[in-house]
Protein backbone atom coordinates (compact mmCIF):
# COMPACT_ATOMS: atom_id res chain seq x y z
CA MET A 1 0.00 0.00 0.00
CA ARG A 2 1.40 3.36 -0.94
CA SER A 3 1.56 5.48 2.14
CA ALA A 4 0.48 9.03 2.88
CA GLU A 5 4.14 10.03 2.95
CA GLN A 6 4.45 9.16 -0.71
CA LEU A 7 1.40 11.27 -1.43
CA SER A 8 2.73 14.25 0.47
CA GLU A 9 5.88 14.58 -1.60
CA PRO A 10 6.02 17.92 -3.40
CA VAL A 11 4.75 17.61 -6.95
CA PRO A 12 4.69 20.26 -9.67
CA GLY A 13 1.23 21.80 -9.79
CA ARG A 14 -2.04 20.84 -8.19
CA GLY A 15 -5.35 19.53 -9.46
CA ALA A 16 -7.93 21.99 -10.70
CA SER A 17 -9.81 21.54 -7.44
CA GLY A 18 -6.92 22.81 -5.34
CA PHE A 19 -6.27 19.35 -3.87
CA PRO A 20 -2.98 17.56 -4.44
CA SER A 21 -2.94 15.77 -7.78
CA MET A 22 -2.57 11.98 -8.08
CA SER A 23 1.13 12.05 -7.19
CA SER A 24 1.01 8.46 -5.94
CA LEU A 25 -0.14 7.07 -9.30
CA THR A 26 2.52 5.99 -11.78
CA GLU A 27 2.51 4.77 -15.33
CA LYS A 28 1.95 1.25 -13.94
CA ASP A 29 -1.46 2.37 -12.70
CA ARG A 30 -2.60 3.80 -16.04
CA PRO A 31 -4.13 0.54 -17.39
CA ILE A 32 -5.96 0.02 -14.07
CA VAL A 33 -7.39 3.54 -14.11
CA GLN A 34 -8.39 3.31 -17.76
CA LEU A 35 -10.01 -0.11 -17.46
CA LEU A 36 -11.98 0.65 -14.31
CA LEU A 37 -13.16 4.05 -15.52
CA ASN A 38 -14.27 2.44 -18.79
CA THR A 39 -16.33 -0.14 -16.94
CA GLY A 40 -18.08 2.29 -14.54
CA THR A 41 -15.94 2.21 -11.40
CA CYS A 42 -15.96 5.21 -9.04
CA PRO A 43 -12.75 7.18 -8.34
CA ARG A 44 -12.39 5.92 -4.76
CA CYS A 45 -12.63 2.28 -5.83
CA ILE A 46 -10.01 3.01 -8.49
CA LEU A 47 -7.71 4.33 -5.76
CA ARG A 48 -8.33 1.13 -3.82
CA PHE A 49 -7.34 -1.03 -6.79
CA CYS A 50 -4.27 1.15 -7.32
CA CYS A 51 -3.35 0.31 -3.70
CA VAL A 52 -3.36 3.96 -2.57
CA GLY A 53 -3.18 4.03 1.22
CA SER A 54 -3.57 7.76 1.92
CA GLN A 55 -6.65 8.25 4.08
CA THR A 56 -6.84 11.97 3.30
CA LEU A 57 -6.96 11.39 -0.46
CA TYR A 58 -10.13 9.31 -0.15
CA ARG A 59 -11.79 12.19 1.68
CA HIS A 60 -11.54 14.53 -1.29
CA PRO A 61 -14.84 15.20 -3.08
CA ASP A 62 -15.81 12.65 -5.68
CA LYS A 63 -15.88 15.22 -8.50
CA ASP A 64 -12.40 16.45 -7.66
CA LEU A 65 -11.03 12.91 -7.60
CA MET A 66 -12.60 12.30 -11.01
CA LYS A 67 -10.97 15.47 -12.34
CA ASP A 68 -7.59 14.39 -10.96
CA LEU A 69 -7.95 10.99 -12.64
CA GLU A 70 -8.79 12.72 -15.89
CA ASP A 71 -5.66 14.88 -15.56
CA PHE A 72 -3.60 11.80 -14.78
CA LEU A 73 -4.76 10.06 -17.94
CA LYS A 74 -4.05 13.13 -20.07
CA LYS A 75 -0.53 13.71 -18.89
CA ASN A 76 2.20 12.05 -20.92
CA GLN A 77 5.03 10.16 -19.35
CA GLU A 78 7.66 12.83 -20.04
CA GLU A 79 5.71 15.66 -18.38
CA GLU A 80 4.96 13.68 -15.23
CA GLY A 81 8.38 12.06 -14.98
CA THR A 82 6.80 8.72 -14.20
CA VAL A 83 8.60 5.44 -14.53
CA CYS A 84 8.23 3.84 -17.95
CA LEU A 85 7.07 0.27 -18.07
CA GLU A 86 10.12 -0.71 -20.14
CA VAL A 87 12.50 0.38 -17.38
CA VAL A 88 13.31 -2.44 -14.99
CA ASP A 89 12.82 -1.11 -11.46
CA PRO A 90 12.44 -2.86 -8.14
CA PRO A 91 8.83 -3.99 -7.64
CA CYS A 92 7.03 -1.98 -4.96
CA LYS A 93 5.23 -3.61 -2.06
CA ARG A 94 1.94 -4.06 -3.89
CA ILE A 95 2.73 -4.37 -7.63
CA ARG A 96 5.36 -6.82 -8.74
CA LEU A 97 6.49 -8.67 -11.84
CA GLU A 98 4.36 -11.64 -12.76
CA ASP A 99 5.87 -15.09 -12.41
CA THR A 100 6.72 -16.72 -15.69
CA GLU A 101 4.29 -19.53 -15.01
CA GLU A 102 1.07 -19.23 -16.99
CA GLY A 103 -2.13 -18.78 -15.00
CA PRO A 104 -5.71 -19.64 -15.95
CA GLU A 105 -6.82 -18.63 -19.42
CA ASP A 106 -7.60 -14.93 -19.54
CA LEU A 107 -11.22 -15.31 -20.56
CA ASN A 108 -14.20 -13.33 -19.37
CA HIS A 109 -17.70 -14.77 -19.18
CA ASN A 110 -18.06 -14.36 -22.96
CA GLY A 111 -14.85 -16.25 -23.63
CA ALA A 112 -12.77 -13.23 -24.67
CA LEU A 113 -10.51 -10.65 -23.05
CA PRO A 114 -11.72 -7.07 -22.70
CA ARG A 115 -9.93 -4.64 -24.97
CA ILE A 116 -7.00 -2.84 -23.33
CA PRO A 117 -7.89 0.86 -23.25
CA SER A 118 -5.37 3.19 -24.84
CA GLU A 119 -4.30 6.59 -23.57
CA ASN A 120 -6.64 8.20 -26.07
CA ASP A 121 -9.54 6.56 -24.25
CA GLY A 122 -9.11 8.83 -21.23
CA ASN A 123 -11.95 11.26 -21.97
CA ALA A 124 -14.33 8.48 -22.97
CA ALA A 125 -13.49 6.61 -19.79
CA VAL A 126 -14.25 9.59 -17.59
CA GLU A 127 -17.52 10.27 -19.41
CA SER A 128 -18.61 6.63 -19.09
CA SER A 129 -17.97 6.60 -15.34
CA ALA A 130 -19.25 10.05 -14.38
CA GLY A 131 -22.70 10.10 -12.80
CA LYS A 132 -23.08 6.33 -12.71
CA VAL A 133 -23.51 4.00 -9.77
CA CYS A 134 -20.15 2.31 -9.18
CA ASN A 135 -20.04 -1.25 -10.49
CA VAL A 136 -17.88 -2.34 -7.55
CA CYS A 137 -19.06 -0.57 -4.36
CA LEU A 138 -22.66 -0.06 -5.61
CA GLY A 139 -22.54 3.57 -4.51
CA ILE A 140 -21.25 3.15 -0.96
CA LEU A 141 -18.09 5.19 -1.70
CA GLN A 142 -20.20 7.71 -3.61
CA GLU A 143 -23.53 8.87 -2.17
CA PHE A 144 -23.03 7.39 1.28
CA CYS A 145 -19.88 9.44 1.88
CA GLN A 146 -21.75 12.71 1.41
CA ALA A 147 -22.57 15.17 4.19
CA ASP A 148 -26.32 14.54 3.81
CA PHE A 149 -25.95 10.87 4.73
CA VAL A 150 -23.62 11.71 7.62
CA LYS A 151 -26.24 14.10 8.99
CA ARG A 152 -28.90 11.44 8.59
CA VAL A 153 -26.81 9.03 10.67
CA CYS A 154 -26.12 11.65 13.34
CA GLN A 155 -29.80 12.61 13.56
CA LYS A 156 -30.58 8.96 14.29
CA VAL A 157 -27.86 8.85 16.96
CA ASN A 158 -28.96 12.09 18.62
CA SER A 159 -32.63 11.15 18.63
CA ALA A 160 -31.80 7.87 20.40
CA ASP A 161 -30.61 9.89 23.43
CA TYR A 162 -27.52 7.85 24.36
CA GLN A 163 -24.72 8.91 26.67
CA PHE A 164 -21.33 8.35 25.03
CA THR A 165 -17.86 9.92 24.95
CA SER A 166 -16.61 8.14 21.82
CA PHE A 167 -17.96 5.81 19.16
CA VAL A 168 -17.06 2.88 16.97
CA PHE A 169 -18.57 2.72 13.49
CA SER A 170 -19.48 -0.61 11.89
CA VAL A 171 -20.83 -1.43 8.45
CA SER A 172 -22.73 -4.46 7.19
CA LEU A 173 -22.27 -4.83 3.43
CA PRO A 174 -24.34 -6.87 0.97
CA PRO A 175 -22.60 -10.21 0.37
CA GLN A 176 -22.65 -9.68 -3.41
CA LEU A 177 -20.12 -6.86 -2.97
CA SER A 178 -17.51 -9.54 -2.31
CA VAL A 179 -18.43 -11.17 -5.63
CA ARG A 180 -18.14 -7.86 -7.49
CA GLU A 181 -14.85 -7.07 -5.78
CA ARG A 182 -13.49 -10.44 -6.96
CA ALA A 183 -14.76 -9.84 -10.49
CA ALA A 184 -13.15 -6.39 -10.67
CA TRP A 185 -9.86 -7.79 -9.37
CA LEU A 186 -9.84 -10.58 -11.95
CA GLY A 187 -10.52 -8.05 -14.71
CA VAL A 188 -7.65 -5.87 -13.56
CA LYS A 189 -5.43 -8.90 -13.04
CA GLN A 190 -5.93 -9.93 -16.68
CA GLU A 191 -4.89 -6.47 -17.87
CA MET A 192 -1.82 -6.43 -15.65
CA ARG A 193 -0.78 -9.89 -16.82
CA ASN A 194 -0.70 -8.67 -20.41
CA LEU A 195 1.80 -6.04 -19.30
CA GLY A 196 3.96 -8.52 -17.42
CA LEU A 197 2.80 -7.29 -14.01
CA SER A 198 0.56 -8.62 -11.28
CA LEU A 199 -1.85 -7.28 -8.68
CA GLU A 200 -2.40 -9.41 -5.59
CA LYS A 201 -5.91 -9.51 -4.14
CA ASP A 202 -4.65 -8.81 -0.63
CA ASP A 203 -2.93 -5.61 -1.81
CA ILE A 204 -6.22 -3.91 -2.65
CA VAL A 205 -7.52 -1.51 0.01
CA GLN A 206 -10.62 -3.06 1.58
CA LEU A 207 -13.92 -1.32 0.93
CA LYS A 208 -14.85 -1.13 4.62
CA GLU A 209 -11.46 0.33 5.46
CA ALA A 210 -11.72 3.04 2.80
CA TYR A 211 -15.29 3.84 3.83
CA LYS A 212 -14.31 4.31 7.46
CA TRP A 213 -11.38 6.53 6.44
CA ILE A 214 -13.92 8.83 4.79
CA ILE A 215 -16.81 8.62 7.25
CA HIS A 216 -15.00 8.63 10.63
CA PRO A 217 -13.83 12.27 10.63
CA GLN A 218 -17.22 13.47 9.40
CA LEU A 219 -19.10 11.58 12.11
CA ALA A 220 -16.59 12.70 14.76
CA GLU A 221 -17.05 16.35 13.80
CA GLU A 222 -20.85 16.12 13.65
CA LEU A 223 -21.20 14.15 16.92
CA GLY A 224 -18.48 16.08 18.75
CA VAL A 225 -16.69 12.95 20.04
CA PRO A 226 -13.77 10.92 18.62
CA ALA A 227 -13.95 7.60 16.81
CA ASP A 228 -12.35 4.88 18.93
CA GLY A 229 -12.10 1.21 17.97
CA LYS A 230 -12.38 0.25 21.66
CA SER A 231 -15.48 2.36 22.33
CA LEU A 232 -18.50 0.59 23.84
CA PHE A 233 -20.90 2.81 21.86
CA GLU A 234 -21.47 1.42 18.38
CA VAL A 235 -23.08 3.16 15.43
CA SER A 236 -23.87 0.66 12.68
CA VAL A 237 -25.27 0.89 9.17
CA VAL A 238 -26.74 -2.07 7.30
CA PHE A 239 -26.61 -1.78 3.50
CA ALA A 240 -28.58 -3.82 0.98
CA HIS A 241 -28.85 -3.87 -2.82
CA PRO A 242 -31.97 -5.79 -3.91
CA GLU A 243 -31.16 -5.30 -7.61
CA THR A 244 -28.11 -7.58 -7.38
CA ASP A 245 -29.26 -9.99 -4.64
CA GLU A 246 -29.23 -12.93 -7.07
CA GLU A 247 -25.56 -12.51 -8.00
CA CYS A 248 -24.32 -14.90 -5.31
CA ARG A 249 -26.48 -17.82 -6.35
CA PHE A 250 -24.04 -19.33 -8.84
CA LEU A 251 -21.66 -19.95 -5.92
CA ALA A 252 -24.18 -22.33 -4.34
CA THR A 253 -23.93 -24.50 -7.46
CA THR A 254 -20.15 -24.50 -7.63
CA CYS A 255 -19.50 -24.61 -3.85
CA PRO A 256 -22.61 -26.14 -2.22
CA ASP A 257 -20.75 -27.10 0.96
CA CYS A 258 -20.27 -23.41 1.82
CA PHE A 259 -23.99 -22.66 2.05
CA LYS A 260 -25.83 -24.44 4.81
CA PRO A 261 -28.99 -23.25 6.58
CA ALA A 262 -28.36 -21.74 9.99
CA LYS A 263 -30.62 -20.66 12.81
CA ASN A 264 -31.60 -16.97 12.90
CA LYS A 265 -30.31 -16.47 9.34
CA GLN A 266 -32.83 -15.36 6.71
CA SER A 267 -30.57 -16.44 3.84
CA VAL A 268 -27.76 -18.94 3.40
CA PHE A 269 -25.90 -16.29 1.41
CA THR A 270 -24.21 -14.62 4.34
CA ARG A 271 -21.09 -12.55 3.84
CA MET A 272 -18.86 -15.15 5.49
CA ALA A 273 -20.36 -18.00 3.43
CA VAL A 274 -19.81 -16.04 0.21
CA ILE A 275 -16.21 -15.22 1.15
CA LYS A 276 -15.59 -18.87 1.95
CA ALA A 277 -16.99 -19.90 -1.45
CA LEU A 278 -14.89 -17.27 -3.25
CA GLU A 279 -11.77 -18.66 -1.60
CA LYS A 280 -12.72 -22.14 -2.76
CA ILE A 281 -13.96 -21.57 -6.33
CA LYS A 282 -11.48 -21.94 -9.17
CA GLU A 283 -10.71 -18.81 -11.15
CA GLU A 284 -11.79 -20.31 -14.45
CA ASP A 285 -15.14 -21.38 -12.96
CA PHE A 286 -15.76 -17.89 -11.63
CA LEU A 287 -15.01 -16.37 -15.06
CA LYS A 288 -17.60 -18.65 -16.67
CA HIS A 289 -20.39 -17.40 -14.43
CA PHE A 290 -19.70 -13.72 -13.75
CA PRO A 291 -18.59 -10.76 -15.94
CA CYS A 292 -15.10 -9.43 -15.23
CA PRO A 293 -15.13 -6.49 -14.61
CA PRO A 294 -18.71 -6.46 -13.29
CA SER A 295 -21.53 -4.67 -15.08
CA SER A 296 -22.92 -1.33 -13.88
CA PRO A 297 -26.08 -1.40 -11.72
CA LYS A 298 -28.99 0.96 -12.19
CA ASN A 299 -29.58 1.74 -8.51
CA LEU A 300 -27.62 2.70 -5.44
CA CYS A 301 -27.45 0.60 -2.30
CA ASP A 302 -30.13 1.13 0.33
CA ALA A 303 -29.21 1.98 3.90
CA LEU A 304 -31.71 -0.45 5.44
CA GLU A 305 -30.91 0.23 9.07
CA ILE A 306 -29.03 2.81 11.09
CA GLN A 307 -28.66 1.45 14.60
CA CYS A 308 -27.05 2.46 17.89
CA ASN A 309 -25.97 0.19 20.67
CA ASN A 310 -24.19 0.84 23.95
CA GLY A 311 -22.07 -1.86 25.52
CA ALA A 312 -23.56 -3.46 28.61
CA VAL A 313 -23.19 -1.81 32.02
CA PHE A 314 -22.83 -3.97 35.13
CA VAL A 315 -24.21 -3.14 38.57
CA ALA A 316 -23.38 -5.19 41.65
CA GLY A 317 -24.38 -5.22 45.29
CA ARG A 318 -25.75 -7.43 48.07
CA TYR A 319 -29.38 -8.08 48.84
CA ASN A 320 -31.28 -9.17 51.93
CA LYS A 321 -34.57 -11.03 51.52
CA TYR A 322 -36.98 -10.79 54.45
CA SER A 323 -40.02 -12.56 52.97
CA ARG A 324 -40.75 -16.29 53.06
CA ASN A 325 -43.02 -15.92 50.06
CA LEU A 326 -40.68 -14.37 47.49
CA PRO A 327 -38.64 -16.27 44.88
CA GLN A 328 -35.25 -15.03 43.75
CA THR A 329 -36.32 -15.07 40.08
CA PRO A 330 -39.81 -15.06 38.52
CA TRP A 331 -41.62 -18.28 39.47
CA ILE A 332 -43.39 -19.51 36.35
CA ILE A 333 -44.61 -23.09 35.90
CA ASP A 334 -46.12 -24.27 32.60
CA GLY A 335 -46.47 -20.67 31.51
CA GLU A 336 -48.39 -19.67 34.64
CA ARG A 337 -46.96 -17.17 37.10
CA LYS A 338 -47.15 -18.42 40.69
CA LEU A 339 -46.11 -15.32 42.64
CA GLU A 340 -46.46 -11.68 41.71
CA SER A 341 -42.84 -10.60 42.13
CA SER A 342 -39.25 -11.70 42.78
CA VAL A 343 -35.99 -10.38 44.18
CA GLU A 344 -34.67 -9.96 40.64
CA GLU A 345 -37.62 -7.85 39.55
CA LEU A 346 -37.78 -5.67 42.67
CA ILE A 347 -34.15 -4.65 42.08
CA SER A 348 -34.00 -4.55 38.30
CA GLU A 349 -37.11 -2.45 37.66
CA HIS A 350 -35.41 0.58 39.20
CA LEU A 351 -32.11 -0.04 37.41
CA MET A 352 -33.85 -0.51 34.06
CA ALA A 353 -35.68 2.78 34.46
CA GLU A 354 -32.61 4.80 35.50
CA PHE A 355 -30.18 3.29 32.99
CA LYS A 356 -32.83 3.24 30.24
CA ALA A 357 -31.73 -0.25 29.19
CA ASP A 358 -33.40 -2.63 26.74
CA SER A 359 -33.14 -5.71 28.99
CA PHE A 360 -31.15 -7.20 31.85
CA ASN A 361 -29.50 -10.42 33.05
CA PHE A 362 -29.45 -11.24 36.76
CA SER A 363 -26.87 -13.45 38.48
CA SER A 364 -25.94 -14.11 42.10
CA SER A 365 -23.69 -16.11 44.36
CA GLY A 366 -26.06 -19.04 44.82
CA ARG A 367 -29.80 -18.79 45.43
CA GLU A 368 -32.26 -19.36 48.23
CA ASP A 369 -35.63 -21.10 48.06
CA VAL A 370 -38.82 -19.07 47.95
CA ASP A 371 -39.48 -19.73 51.69
CA VAL A 372 -35.92 -18.99 52.85
CA ARG A 373 -34.80 -15.62 54.14
CA THR A 374 -31.36 -14.11 53.44
CA LEU A 375 -30.13 -12.11 56.43
CA GLY A 376 -26.78 -10.83 57.71
CA ASN A 377 -24.67 -8.94 55.16
CA GLY A 378 -26.76 -10.30 52.28
CA ARG A 379 -26.11 -12.27 49.10
CA PRO A 380 -23.83 -10.85 46.36
CA PHE A 381 -25.58 -10.20 43.05
CA ALA A 382 -24.82 -8.60 39.70
CA ILE A 383 -27.08 -7.28 36.97
CA GLU A 384 -26.04 -6.82 33.34
CA LEU A 385 -27.96 -3.94 31.77
CA VAL A 386 -28.16 -4.44 28.01
CA ASN A 387 -27.91 -1.46 25.65
CA PRO A 388 -28.31 1.28 28.29
CA ARG A 389 -28.94 4.86 27.13
CA ARG A 390 -27.52 6.31 30.33
CA ILE A 391 -24.16 5.01 31.56
CA HIS A 392 -22.62 7.70 33.77
CA PHE A 393 -23.60 7.75 37.46
CA THR A 394 -21.82 9.39 40.36
CA ALA A 395 -21.39 7.62 43.69
CA GLU A 396 -24.05 9.90 45.15
CA GLU A 397 -26.50 9.02 42.37
CA MET A 398 -25.90 5.30 42.95
CA LYS A 399 -26.58 5.84 46.64
CA ARG A 400 -29.89 7.53 45.83
CA LEU A 401 -30.79 4.70 43.47
CA GLN A 402 -30.09 2.18 46.23
CA GLN A 403 -32.33 4.13 48.59
CA ALA A 404 -35.13 4.19 46.01
CA ILE A 405 -34.97 0.38 45.75
CA ASN A 406 -35.05 0.01 49.53
CA ASN A 407 -37.96 2.41 49.92
CA SER A 408 -40.03 0.56 47.32
CA SER A 409 -40.48 -2.71 49.24
CA ASP A 410 -40.23 -4.16 52.73
CA LYS A 411 -39.45 -7.60 51.27
CA ILE A 412 -35.88 -6.82 50.24
CA GLN A 413 -33.05 -4.39 50.93
CA VAL A 414 -29.85 -3.82 48.93
CA ARG A 415 -26.46 -2.51 50.03
CA ASP A 416 -23.11 -1.68 48.44
CA LEU A 417 -24.78 -0.88 45.09
CA GLN A 418 -22.05 0.06 42.60
CA LEU A 419 -20.91 -0.01 38.98
CA VAL A 420 -18.45 -2.82 38.21
CA THR A 421 -16.70 -4.24 35.16
CA ARG A 422 -17.59 -7.44 33.34
CA GLU A 423 -14.29 -8.94 34.50
CA ALA A 424 -15.01 -8.16 38.16
CA ILE A 425 -18.19 -10.25 38.10
CA GLY A 426 -16.03 -13.33 37.68
CA ARG A 427 -14.88 -12.91 41.29
CA MET A 428 -18.43 -13.60 42.46
CA LYS A 429 -18.32 -17.04 40.81
CA GLU A 430 -14.66 -17.87 41.52
CA GLY A 431 -14.30 -20.99 43.65
CA GLU A 432 -17.99 -20.99 44.53
CA GLU A 433 -17.92 -24.50 45.98
CA GLU A 434 -14.90 -23.68 48.16
CA LYS A 435 -16.75 -20.77 49.77
CA THR A 436 -18.70 -21.22 53.00
CA LYS A 437 -22.20 -20.21 54.05
CA THR A 438 -23.84 -20.10 57.45
CA TYR A 439 -27.45 -21.01 58.14
CA SER A 440 -29.98 -21.07 60.93
CA ALA A 441 -32.58 -23.87 60.80
CA LEU A 442 -35.65 -24.43 62.99
CA ILE A 443 -35.99 -28.21 63.32
CA TRP A 444 -38.86 -30.46 64.51
CA THR A 445 -38.46 -34.05 65.77
CA ASP A 446 -41.12 -36.71 66.12
CA LYS A 447 -39.72 -38.04 69.42
CA ALA A 448 -39.23 -35.86 72.45
CA ILE A 449 -35.71 -34.54 72.92
CA GLN A 450 -33.71 -33.22 75.85
CA ARG A 451 -30.75 -30.86 75.71
CA GLU A 452 -28.28 -33.72 75.99
CA ASP A 453 -29.88 -35.49 73.00
CA ILE A 454 -28.80 -32.73 70.60
CA ALA A 455 -25.53 -31.80 72.34
CA LEU A 456 -23.65 -34.38 70.25
CA LEU A 457 -24.22 -32.22 67.16
CA ASP A 458 -22.04 -29.47 68.66
CA ASP A 459 -19.03 -31.78 68.70
CA ILE A 460 -19.22 -32.85 65.05
CA LYS A 461 -16.64 -31.15 62.80
CA GLU A 462 -16.01 -31.47 59.05
CA LEU A 463 -18.85 -33.94 58.52
CA LYS A 464 -18.80 -35.34 54.98
CA LEU A 465 -22.14 -35.84 53.23
CA ASP A 466 -23.13 -37.72 50.08
CA GLN A 467 -26.07 -35.90 48.56
CA LYS A 468 -28.00 -37.26 45.61
CA THR A 469 -29.72 -34.59 43.60
CA PRO A 470 -32.81 -33.72 45.70
CA LEU A 471 -36.17 -34.88 44.39
CA ARG A 472 -37.50 -31.33 44.47
CA VAL A 473 -34.89 -30.07 41.97
CA LEU A 474 -34.46 -33.22 39.90
CA HIS A 475 -36.56 -31.69 37.10
CA ARG A 476 -33.93 -29.00 36.50
CA ARG A 477 -30.68 -30.53 37.80
CA PRO A 478 -28.87 -33.65 36.52
CA LEU A 479 -28.90 -36.74 38.70
CA ALA A 480 -25.58 -36.96 40.56
CA VAL A 481 -24.09 -37.68 43.95
CA ARG A 482 -22.34 -34.62 45.36
CA CYS A 483 -19.90 -34.67 48.24
CA ARG A 484 -20.45 -31.75 50.61
CA ILE A 485 -19.03 -30.80 54.01
CA ILE A 486 -20.70 -29.52 57.18
CA HIS A 487 -17.85 -27.64 58.83
CA THR A 488 -19.47 -26.92 62.22
CA MET A 489 -22.85 -27.12 63.98
CA SER A 490 -24.24 -25.44 67.07
CA SER A 491 -27.59 -26.45 68.60
CA GLU A 492 -30.03 -24.30 70.59
CA TYR A 493 -32.71 -26.20 72.57
CA ILE A 494 -36.25 -24.77 72.39
CA ASP A 495 -38.64 -27.49 73.67
CA GLU A 496 -39.21 -31.26 73.55
CA HIS A 497 -39.87 -31.26 69.80
CA HIS A 498 -38.02 -28.18 68.53
CA PHE A 499 -34.48 -26.88 68.43
CA ARG A 500 -32.53 -24.40 66.34
CA LEU A 501 -29.38 -25.49 64.54
CA HIS A 502 -26.67 -23.09 63.36
CA LEU A 503 -24.52 -24.53 60.59
CA LYS A 504 -21.41 -23.47 58.69
CA THR A 505 -21.26 -25.46 55.47
CA GLN A 506 -19.59 -25.76 52.13
CA ALA A 507 -21.42 -23.69 49.50
CA GLY A 508 -23.81 -25.82 47.49
CA THR A 509 -24.97 -27.96 50.40
CA TYR A 510 -28.69 -28.77 50.41
CA ILE A 511 -29.61 -27.89 54.01
CA LYS A 512 -33.25 -29.03 53.94
CA GLU A 513 -32.20 -32.45 52.70
CA PHE A 514 -29.46 -32.66 55.34
CA VAL A 515 -32.16 -32.22 57.97
CA HIS A 516 -34.89 -34.63 56.77
CA GLY A 517 -32.72 -36.99 54.68
CA ASP A 518 -34.76 -36.77 51.44
CA PHE A 519 -35.88 -40.42 51.75
CA GLY A 520 -32.30 -41.53 52.35
CA ARG A 521 -30.83 -39.61 49.42
CA THR A 522 -28.63 -37.52 51.77
CA LYS A 523 -26.38 -39.54 54.12
CA PRO A 524 -25.79 -38.92 56.96
CA ASN A 525 -28.56 -36.52 57.98
CA ILE A 526 -29.93 -35.02 61.20
CA GLY A 527 -32.56 -37.75 61.47
CA SER A 528 -29.98 -40.52 61.28
CA LEU A 529 -27.58 -38.73 63.64
CA LEU A 530 -30.32 -38.29 66.27
CA ASN A 531 -31.98 -41.64 65.52
CA ARG A 532 -35.39 -40.14 64.97
CA THR A 533 -37.45 -38.45 62.28
CA ALA A 534 -36.53 -34.79 61.77
CA ASP A 535 -37.94 -32.09 59.54
CA ILE A 536 -37.14 -28.46 58.87
CA LEU A 537 -39.71 -25.74 59.62
CA GLU A 538 -37.74 -22.57 58.81
CA LEU A 539 -34.41 -21.80 57.20
CA ASP A 540 -32.43 -18.57 57.10
CA VAL A 541 -29.19 -17.80 55.28
CA GLU A 542 -27.12 -15.86 57.82
CA SER A 543 -24.04 -15.18 55.70
CA VAL A 544 -22.59 -15.81 52.25
CA ASP A 545 -18.83 -15.69 52.71
CA VAL A 546 -17.86 -14.11 49.39
CA ASP A 547 -15.67 -11.02 49.69
CA TRP A 548 -17.35 -9.20 46.79
CA PRO A 549 -18.43 -6.62 45.84
CA PRO A 550 -16.33 -4.18 47.88
CA THR A 551 -18.07 -2.78 50.93
CA LEU A 552 -19.12 0.85 50.56
CA ASP A 553 -19.69 3.52 53.17
CA ASN A 554 -23.48 3.55 52.92
C-alpha cells in the first residue's frame, strides 16, 4: 500500500480543485485507471485497486477525484516524470512482476478478453464513469460518503438519546459486494498480466477500510466525540442492494458445501459464506459465471438500518430477603406465574428505568428457596444492563438509586450498590464451591428430645455428606451424587420437639435435605444422627462468605 508520505511529496502543480494531484499514481497504474473508468468504477474504488493508502486522499470530493484521474490520464510520461514500463525497477510492495508460469486462461464470461484501453480513451473513460452508480461498491463510496448521509446518521444517533464519549462505526455490506470485488480484481489482473505485471488480491484496500477513512472524521465532527475502535458505543449501518441480490447464487452450485442453513439467518448467502466460497472456487469457474469487470447497476445501495448500541453496564451489590413468600427469580410453571414478584424484579425495575436499558441479566452467588430468608450482610448479586442509554452515574447518584430500591419494598433491601466491570463479576463465581455459608434452621423431631440429645451435634466437625440430587430439583438438575461438608454445627434447645441449629457449610450444600434426609438420598442426615425423624420448619441464610463486591460507606 502506498503510504500518505508518498502522497505528500512535493509535486509540480495541483489539481484543478486545489487538492494535491494523483502524485502516488505511476505509469503502472494507467491501465488500471483506464479499465476501471471504462467499466463504470468510481474514483475511490479506483484508488483502492491502485493500492493507494492515503486516508486523506479518499476524503476529497468525488468530483475532484474524477478530475484528478482525468488529468492523470491526459498527462504524458515525459511531463509527469513517471517510470516507464520498459525500465526495470524494483517492484514496490503491492505491484510486482508476474511469475513466468502461466495462470488460468484470460477469458471473461463471454470467452474473450476485454480490450486494453489506450491513452486516447481517457476522456471516454471519464464520461462513461461520471454520474453512474459504481459497479464495484454499488454507490457506498459515492452517495453514502456525502454530508447529507452523515447528517442522517447523526440525527438517528442524537434522537436515540444515548450517553457516550466516543464511538465505533461498523458497516454491514451486501454479500454480493464480495463477488463484485473479486470480479473487478480478476478483470484488472488480466490487464496487468498482459503487461507482465501482477496485482495481488490482498494488496487492494478493503472497501470497509476506505469507507471508514472517509466517514470517521465526518461523524466525529458532527457528533463532537472521537472515533475509537475500543469504544462501547457502536453506530452501525446495514446496507442492501436488492437489484443484485441474485448474484451470489451461482456460488451455491459450484460450492454447495459453503452454504448451509443456519438458525436466525434469513438467507444462506451470508457474507462469510460467500467469502468462503470465493476462496474455494477456481478462477476459471468464476469467469464462466460472472462478468469481469462487473456490469454497472442501475440503482444505489439502500441503507436499510441505522442502529445504535451501547455496551452493557454492570451493577453489583448485596441483597437481603426478608419474605418467606418471594422467589429469587420469577416463578413460572407451565407458563403460569405463581407469585407476583421476585428479588430480581424488585431490584431490576429501578435499574432498568434509570439506565434506560433494553433488557437485563441477573446473576448471584447461589440462590435461596422461595421460603428462605437471606439475612446478615446479604447475598452478592450482579445485573447486566443491556444497551443502556444512560451510563454515567456518580457515587451519590448510585446511593440515591439504592435508597429508592429500599424504599419501594419491605421484602428486600440492597447494600453496596455500585458499577463494576464485566471482568469483576467473575470474582463472584470464583471458587464458589470452596466458599462457605452459614445457616440457621428451625428443626422439629417426632420423638421428644432433651438438651443432651442434641448436644452431640455441637461436637461434630467437618462432617462429609453424600447428597443425591434432591427430588425437588431433579426436574432442573442432573442426577448426581455430590460430596459436601458440614464444617461446624451449634444447637439451641427450644422445647421437647423443637431446636434451632446453626450450621457453617460448604457452599452448594442442600440444608433441607441434610435435615430430613430426602428419603435416604442424603447420608448422613440429622434424622440418622439423632436416631429419629426430623424435619425443617424454617431456614435462614445468615451469611454468604464471598468477599465481593467491595463494601461501601453507605
